[in-house]
């Protein structure tokens, strides 16, 4: 995995839909004031919440914030994604854009326009598209880096072997390879071999971390705080997390949080960062992102990690 210190990433999925622009601006301001750097969005956010039936709202809010805050573009790094935006309103996954060279170029061009920027700092392939030759996808991503439209490229929700195959193809083409992975991960884990109810989500596996550590790749985790389930009784964990290991891990989480005078969310984020993972945290209120940034001060030792591992 890369050697830079892990950071809290601000997830902006709900900006412009569930989170109105004024609140989004306040959250962005607070994040930057607290030393946050990375913003994570996607061209498809959030088509399922938007009356229009297509994505783009999140990127438009970020673009408006950048225009309203002179100098803000230099203070943040922007990551966006292509692959899942419906090309026909209210028609997903049937009309979801793929990862053809044409779709990638068109998706990025539209993202840059909504964001009001000439480049993004990291461009993700949001999910696999096995209807398109991997060589074509790799070449298109590499072309965008050559043009300076994307400074880095990464793969979200991809199998590790596909990522490594893509990296090999990039080397053969002399193109920029994927250097970052984004997958779903948190302290609690679902029962093995059970399917997730959330369409398109792919869990971080041991082989993903193995690949990242071997090749020096960044790893970002989403659903890091399980939609508030660690701290809110009205947000129970999904049924697939109902197993003895979860109960054991949550008991240790409570103990460690008390010992360190931290919140459970802060400990979860610290646990992720201790492994070199950059956790993405969505926020609908300013205090939520302030609390997330406080996790950078929580210090977990090897003994804490061992207790969590044994509880599984």
Protein backbone atom coordinates (compact mmCIF):
# COMPACT_ATOMS: atom_id res chain seq x y z
CA UNK A 1 0.00 0.00 0.00
CA UNK A 2 1.15 3.55 -0.49
CA UNK A 3 3.18 5.05 2.30
CA UNK A 4 1.32 8.36 2.76
CA UNK A 5 -0.59 8.74 6.00
CA UNK A 6 -4.23 7.62 5.72
CA UNK A 7 -6.77 10.41 5.63
CA UNK A 8 -10.47 10.89 6.21
CA UNK A 9 -12.17 11.32 2.83
CA UNK A 10 -15.40 13.32 2.64
CA UNK A 11 -18.11 11.33 0.87
CA UNK A 12 -20.46 13.69 -0.98
CA UNK A 13 -22.96 11.17 -2.37
CA UNK A 14 -26.04 12.89 -0.92
CA UNK A 15 -25.08 16.47 -1.77
CA UNK A 16 -27.78 18.10 -3.86
CA UNK A 17 -30.36 15.41 -3.08
CA UNK A 18 -30.74 14.38 0.57
CA UNK A 19 -28.36 17.16 1.69
CA UNK A 20 -29.35 20.59 0.39
CA UNK A 21 -26.66 22.92 -1.02
CA UNK A 22 -26.52 25.21 2.03
CA UNK A 23 -25.81 22.31 4.38
CA UNK A 24 -23.38 20.81 1.88
CA UNK A 25 -21.46 24.10 1.71
CA UNK A 26 -21.26 24.19 5.53
CA UNK A 27 -19.97 20.62 5.63
CA UNK A 28 -17.38 21.30 2.93
CA UNK A 29 -16.24 24.46 4.75
CA UNK A 30 -15.90 22.56 8.03
CA UNK A 31 -14.02 19.71 6.37
CA UNK A 32 -11.46 22.03 4.81
CA UNK A 33 -11.14 24.08 8.01
CA UNK A 34 -10.39 20.85 9.87
CA UNK A 35 -7.57 19.94 7.51
CA UNK A 36 -9.52 17.59 5.24
CA UNK A 37 -8.30 17.30 1.67
CA UNK A 38 -10.04 14.60 -0.40
CA UNK A 39 -13.62 14.85 -1.70
CA UNK A 40 -15.17 11.69 -3.15
CA UNK A 41 -18.04 11.94 -5.61
CA UNK A 42 -19.33 10.20 -8.76
CA UNK A 43 -21.13 11.21 -11.91
CA UNK A 44 -24.06 8.97 -10.92
CA UNK A 45 -24.66 10.55 -7.46
CA UNK A 46 -27.41 10.27 -6.61
CA UNK A 47 -29.70 9.18 -9.43
CA UNK A 48 -31.79 7.01 -7.08
CA UNK A 49 -32.67 10.03 -4.91
CA UNK A 50 -33.01 12.61 -7.67
CA UNK A 51 -36.41 13.25 -9.26
CA UNK A 52 -34.57 13.60 -12.58
CA UNK A 53 -33.59 9.92 -12.45
CA UNK A 54 -29.98 10.68 -13.36
CA UNK A 55 -26.86 11.65 -11.45
CA UNK A 56 -24.85 14.85 -11.41
CA UNK A 57 -26.32 16.65 -8.39
CA UNK A 58 -23.32 15.99 -6.14
CA UNK A 59 -20.81 17.23 -8.71
CA UNK A 60 -22.91 20.33 -9.37
CA UNK A 61 -22.96 21.22 -5.67
CA UNK A 62 -19.19 20.80 -5.41
CA UNK A 63 -18.77 22.95 -8.52
CA UNK A 64 -20.98 25.68 -7.02
CA UNK A 65 -19.00 25.54 -3.77
CA UNK A 66 -15.71 25.88 -5.65
CA UNK A 67 -17.02 28.93 -7.51
CA UNK A 68 -18.20 30.48 -4.24
CA UNK A 69 -14.88 29.87 -2.46
CA UNK A 70 -11.95 31.43 -4.33
CA UNK A 71 -8.85 29.36 -3.72
CA UNK A 72 -10.80 26.29 -2.60
CA UNK A 73 -9.71 24.26 -5.63
CA UNK A 74 -6.11 24.50 -4.42
CA UNK A 75 -7.13 23.32 -0.94
CA UNK A 76 -8.92 20.13 -1.98
CA UNK A 77 -8.39 17.10 -4.16
CA UNK A 78 -11.36 15.78 -6.08
CA UNK A 79 -12.08 12.15 -6.89
CA UNK A 80 -15.00 11.23 -9.13
CA UNK A 81 -16.18 8.08 -10.89
CA UNK A 82 -17.57 6.95 -14.23
CA UNK A 83 -19.53 3.79 -15.05
CA UNK A 84 -22.93 3.82 -13.31
CA UNK A 85 -24.75 6.97 -14.43
CA UNK A 86 -28.02 6.10 -16.21
CA UNK A 87 -28.08 7.31 -19.80
CA UNK A 88 -31.88 7.00 -19.72
CA UNK A 89 -33.60 8.56 -16.66
CA UNK A 90 -34.97 6.06 -14.14
CA UNK A 91 -33.43 3.17 -16.09
CA UNK A 92 -30.68 1.53 -14.06
CA UNK A 93 -28.85 -0.76 -14.49
CA UNK A 94 -30.26 -1.21 -17.98
CA UNK A 95 -28.94 2.11 -19.30
CA UNK A 96 -25.92 2.51 -17.02
CA UNK A 97 -22.96 3.90 -18.93
CA UNK A 98 -20.24 1.32 -19.35
CA UNK A 99 -16.48 1.49 -19.54
CA UNK A 100 -16.03 1.79 -23.27
CA UNK A 101 -13.55 4.45 -24.35
CA UNK A 102 -16.43 6.54 -25.67
CA UNK A 103 -18.44 6.26 -22.43
CA UNK A 104 -15.41 7.12 -20.28
CA UNK A 105 -14.53 10.20 -22.33
CA UNK A 106 -18.13 11.43 -22.38
CA UNK A 107 -18.63 10.79 -18.67
CA UNK A 108 -15.47 12.62 -17.65
CA UNK A 109 -16.19 15.57 -19.93
CA UNK A 110 -19.60 16.01 -18.32
CA UNK A 111 -18.12 15.64 -14.81
CA UNK A 112 -15.53 18.35 -15.46
CA UNK A 113 -18.26 20.66 -16.72
CA UNK A 114 -20.43 20.12 -13.62
CA UNK A 115 -17.46 20.51 -11.30
CA UNK A 116 -16.17 23.55 -13.18
CA UNK A 117 -12.59 22.23 -13.18
CA UNK A 118 -10.08 21.28 -15.87
CA UNK A 119 -8.96 18.08 -14.17
CA UNK A 120 -9.76 15.69 -11.33
CA UNK A 121 -7.10 14.40 -8.98
CA UNK A 122 -8.35 10.82 -9.09
CA UNK A 123 -10.73 9.14 -11.53
CA UNK A 124 -12.33 5.84 -10.57
CA UNK A 125 -13.87 3.11 -12.68
CA UNK A 126 -16.97 2.75 -10.49
CA UNK A 127 -17.58 -0.92 -11.23
CA UNK A 128 -16.52 -3.59 -13.68
CA UNK A 129 -17.84 -3.70 -17.24
CA UNK A 130 -17.07 -7.10 -18.66
CA UNK A 131 -18.87 -6.30 -21.93
CA UNK A 132 -15.91 -4.12 -22.93
CA UNK A 133 -12.37 -5.44 -23.51
CA UNK A 134 -10.20 -4.49 -20.54
CA UNK A 135 -7.57 -3.25 -22.99
CA UNK A 136 -9.98 -0.58 -24.21
CA UNK A 137 -10.88 0.59 -20.70
CA UNK A 138 -7.24 0.71 -19.63
CA UNK A 139 -6.26 2.65 -22.74
CA UNK A 140 -9.02 5.23 -22.22
CA UNK A 141 -8.06 5.83 -18.58
CA UNK A 142 -4.40 6.12 -19.56
CA UNK A 143 -5.26 8.61 -22.29
CA UNK A 144 -7.01 10.87 -19.76
CA UNK A 145 -3.91 10.89 -17.56
CA UNK A 146 -1.70 11.70 -20.56
CA UNK A 147 -3.98 14.65 -21.35
CA UNK A 148 -3.87 15.85 -17.73
CA UNK A 149 -7.62 15.43 -17.31
CA UNK A 150 -7.06 12.93 -14.48
CA UNK A 151 -3.91 12.96 -12.39
CA UNK A 152 -4.40 9.39 -11.13
CA UNK A 153 -6.78 6.52 -11.89
CA UNK A 154 -8.23 3.77 -9.73
CA UNK A 155 -10.70 0.89 -9.66
CA UNK A 156 -13.76 0.71 -7.40
CA UNK A 157 -15.65 -2.55 -6.82
CA UNK A 158 -13.29 -4.60 -8.97
CA UNK A 159 -11.98 -8.10 -8.33
CA UNK A 160 -8.30 -8.08 -7.41
CA UNK A 161 -7.36 -10.24 -10.38
CA UNK A 162 -9.05 -7.80 -12.75
CA UNK A 163 -7.12 -4.92 -11.24
CA UNK A 164 -3.81 -6.73 -11.63
CA UNK A 165 -4.71 -7.77 -15.19
CA UNK A 166 -5.52 -4.15 -15.99
CA UNK A 167 -2.23 -3.00 -14.49
CA UNK A 168 -0.37 -5.54 -16.63
CA UNK A 169 -2.18 -4.32 -19.74
CA UNK A 170 -1.32 -0.74 -18.84
CA UNK A 171 2.35 -1.64 -18.63
CA UNK A 172 2.13 -3.30 -22.04
CA UNK A 173 0.45 -0.21 -23.51
CA UNK A 174 2.77 2.25 -21.77
CA UNK A 175 -0.34 3.71 -20.12
CA UNK A 176 -0.90 4.97 -16.57
CA UNK A 177 -2.07 2.01 -14.42
CA UNK A 178 -4.75 1.97 -11.74
CA UNK A 179 -3.01 2.82 -8.46
CA UNK A 180 -5.96 2.91 -6.07
CA UNK A 181 -8.70 0.53 -4.94
CA UNK A 182 -12.08 1.46 -3.47
CA UNK A 183 -14.19 -1.22 -1.79
CA UNK A 184 -16.71 -1.57 1.00
CA UNK A 185 -15.13 -2.25 4.38
CA UNK A 186 -15.75 -1.67 8.07
CA UNK A 187 -14.98 -3.16 11.45
CA UNK A 188 -17.99 -5.49 11.39
CA UNK A 189 -18.18 -8.03 8.59
CA UNK A 190 -21.14 -9.85 6.99
CA UNK A 191 -21.51 -13.59 7.24
CA UNK A 192 -19.24 -15.28 4.67
CA UNK A 193 -20.85 -16.23 1.35
CA UNK A 194 -23.95 -14.09 1.94
CA UNK A 195 -24.98 -11.54 -0.67
CA UNK A 196 -25.33 -7.86 0.11
CA UNK A 197 -28.68 -6.17 -0.47
CA UNK A 198 -26.96 -3.04 -1.81
CA UNK A 199 -26.60 -3.38 -5.58
CA UNK A 200 -23.09 -2.92 -6.90
CA UNK A 201 -21.28 -3.10 -3.56
CA UNK A 202 -18.17 -5.26 -3.35
CA UNK A 203 -16.54 -6.13 -0.03
CA UNK A 204 -12.83 -5.64 0.60
CA UNK A 205 -11.17 -9.07 0.72
CA UNK A 206 -7.82 -10.22 2.07
CA UNK A 207 -6.51 -10.55 -1.47
CA UNK A 208 -7.30 -6.88 -2.15
CA UNK A 209 -5.14 -5.80 0.79
CA UNK A 210 -2.47 -8.28 -0.27
CA UNK A 211 -2.41 -6.78 -3.77
CA UNK A 212 -2.34 -3.23 -2.40
CA UNK A 213 0.51 -3.95 -0.02
CA UNK A 214 2.51 -5.78 -2.68
CA UNK A 215 2.05 -3.11 -5.34
CA UNK A 216 1.92 0.09 -3.28
CA UNK A 217 -1.71 0.89 -4.08
CA UNK A 218 -3.99 3.20 -2.11
CA UNK A 219 -7.09 1.66 -0.54
CA UNK A 220 -10.25 3.65 0.18
CA UNK A 221 -13.18 2.15 2.08
CA UNK A 222 -16.83 3.13 1.72
CA UNK A 223 -19.75 2.42 4.09
CA UNK A 224 -17.01 2.80 6.70
CA UNK A 225 -19.44 3.71 9.50
CA UNK A 226 -22.29 1.44 8.36
CA UNK A 227 -24.74 4.32 7.90
CA UNK A 228 -24.62 5.22 11.60
CA UNK A 229 -25.26 1.71 12.92
CA UNK A 230 -22.37 1.86 15.40
CA UNK A 231 -23.91 4.76 17.30
CA UNK A 232 -27.64 4.80 16.50
CA UNK A 233 -30.13 2.32 17.88
CA UNK A 234 -32.60 3.30 15.15
CA UNK A 235 -30.12 2.19 12.46
CA UNK A 236 -29.69 -1.55 13.01
CA UNK A 237 -27.06 -3.42 11.05
CA UNK A 238 -28.32 -5.34 7.99
CA UNK A 239 -29.44 -8.90 8.69
CA UNK A 240 -26.37 -10.43 7.04
CA UNK A 241 -24.27 -8.96 9.87
CA UNK A 242 -26.26 -10.86 12.51
CA UNK A 243 -23.77 -13.49 13.68
CA UNK A 244 -21.69 -14.17 16.82
CA UNK A 245 -18.59 -12.44 15.45
CA UNK A 246 -20.44 -9.14 15.20
CA UNK A 247 -21.55 -9.32 18.83
CA UNK A 248 -17.97 -10.01 19.93
CA UNK A 249 -16.50 -7.19 17.86
CA UNK A 250 -19.09 -4.70 19.07
CA UNK A 251 -18.37 -5.62 22.68
CA UNK A 252 -14.65 -4.96 22.15
CA UNK A 253 -15.50 -1.72 20.34
CA UNK A 254 -17.43 -0.50 23.36
CA UNK A 255 -14.52 -1.39 25.69
CA UNK A 256 -11.88 0.27 23.52
CA UNK A 257 -13.96 3.41 23.04
CA UNK A 258 -14.33 3.72 26.83
CA UNK A 259 -10.62 3.10 27.43
CA UNK A 260 -9.57 5.74 24.90
CA UNK A 261 -12.33 8.24 25.75
CA UNK A 262 -13.39 8.15 22.11
CA UNK A 263 -16.66 7.52 20.31
CA UNK A 264 -17.32 4.18 18.65
CA UNK A 265 -17.24 5.86 15.24
CA UNK A 266 -13.85 7.42 16.00
CA UNK A 267 -12.44 4.02 16.98
CA UNK A 268 -13.77 2.38 13.81
CA UNK A 269 -12.18 5.08 11.64
CA UNK A 270 -8.93 4.83 13.60
CA UNK A 271 -8.98 1.04 13.10
CA UNK A 272 -9.27 1.50 9.34
CA UNK A 273 -6.53 4.12 9.19
CA UNK A 274 -4.24 1.98 11.36
CA UNK A 275 -4.28 -0.53 8.48
CA UNK A 276 -3.37 2.11 5.92
CA UNK A 277 -6.93 2.49 4.62
CA UNK A 278 -8.47 5.88 3.80
CA UNK A 279 -12.07 5.79 5.10
CA UNK A 280 -14.76 7.65 3.18
CA UNK A 281 -17.24 9.30 5.54
CA UNK A 282 -20.54 10.72 4.39
CA UNK A 283 -22.03 13.56 6.43
CA UNK A 284 -25.38 15.29 6.49
CA UNK A 285 -24.46 17.65 9.35
CA UNK A 286 -21.35 19.65 10.22
CA UNK A 287 -20.89 17.94 13.59
CA UNK A 288 -20.65 14.55 11.87
CA UNK A 289 -17.62 15.53 9.82
CA UNK A 290 -16.05 17.27 12.83
CA UNK A 291 -16.38 14.02 14.79
CA UNK A 292 -14.94 12.02 11.90
CA UNK A 293 -11.88 14.26 11.66
CA UNK A 294 -11.35 13.80 15.41
CA UNK A 295 -10.60 10.13 14.72
CA UNK A 296 -7.15 11.20 13.50
CA UNK A 297 -6.22 11.78 17.15
CA UNK A 298 -7.23 8.28 18.30
CA UNK A 299 -4.22 6.00 18.68
CA UNK A 300 -4.83 2.27 18.48
CA UNK A 301 -2.00 -0.06 19.48
CA UNK A 302 -1.20 -3.60 18.35
CA UNK A 303 -2.99 -4.86 21.44
CA UNK A 304 -6.23 -3.20 20.34
CA UNK A 305 -5.96 -4.69 16.87
CA UNK A 306 -5.35 -8.13 18.35
CA UNK A 307 -8.45 -7.85 20.54
CA UNK A 308 -10.61 -6.99 17.55
CA UNK A 309 -9.13 -9.85 15.53
CA UNK A 310 -9.72 -12.36 18.33
CA UNK A 311 -13.34 -11.23 18.76
CA UNK A 312 -14.21 -12.29 15.22
